[in-house]
Amino acid sequence: MRYLITGSAGFIGSHLAKRLLCDGHSVHGVDGLKNLKRTRHTALTQIAAFTATETMLENAGQLTDCVASAKADIVIHLAAQAVRCADFAESASRRQDIATSRDTVLPAFPP
């Protein structure tokens, strides 16, 4: 199977990608690679069946191109901005970021 994972450099996404790769699947990871996550992606790129696109979900054009070229059988959307609970409760812009990510990701995948 071919998988596309958004948030593939995050804690959950990178571990899921590694497991799928170990099980013989191919994985295309999509991540903005902020902070220390680049190390996780670098480790995954050592596995031949892993490919990656570095982009933010807000970049609808690049995301749509990525989805088309990955030809994934299954999509797992794990991308999110990591925030502390207190920050999230106080920040309308954080909630808007999540809504924007959802509204950008879903249309990129044909029915």
Foldseek 3Di string as FASTA:
>chain_A
DEEEEEVCLDPVNLVVQVVCVVVPYAYEYEYLPPDPSVVSVVVVVVRPSYHYDHDDLLPLVVLLVSCVVSVGPYYHYDDADDDDPVCVVPDPVRVVSVVSSVVSNVVSDDD
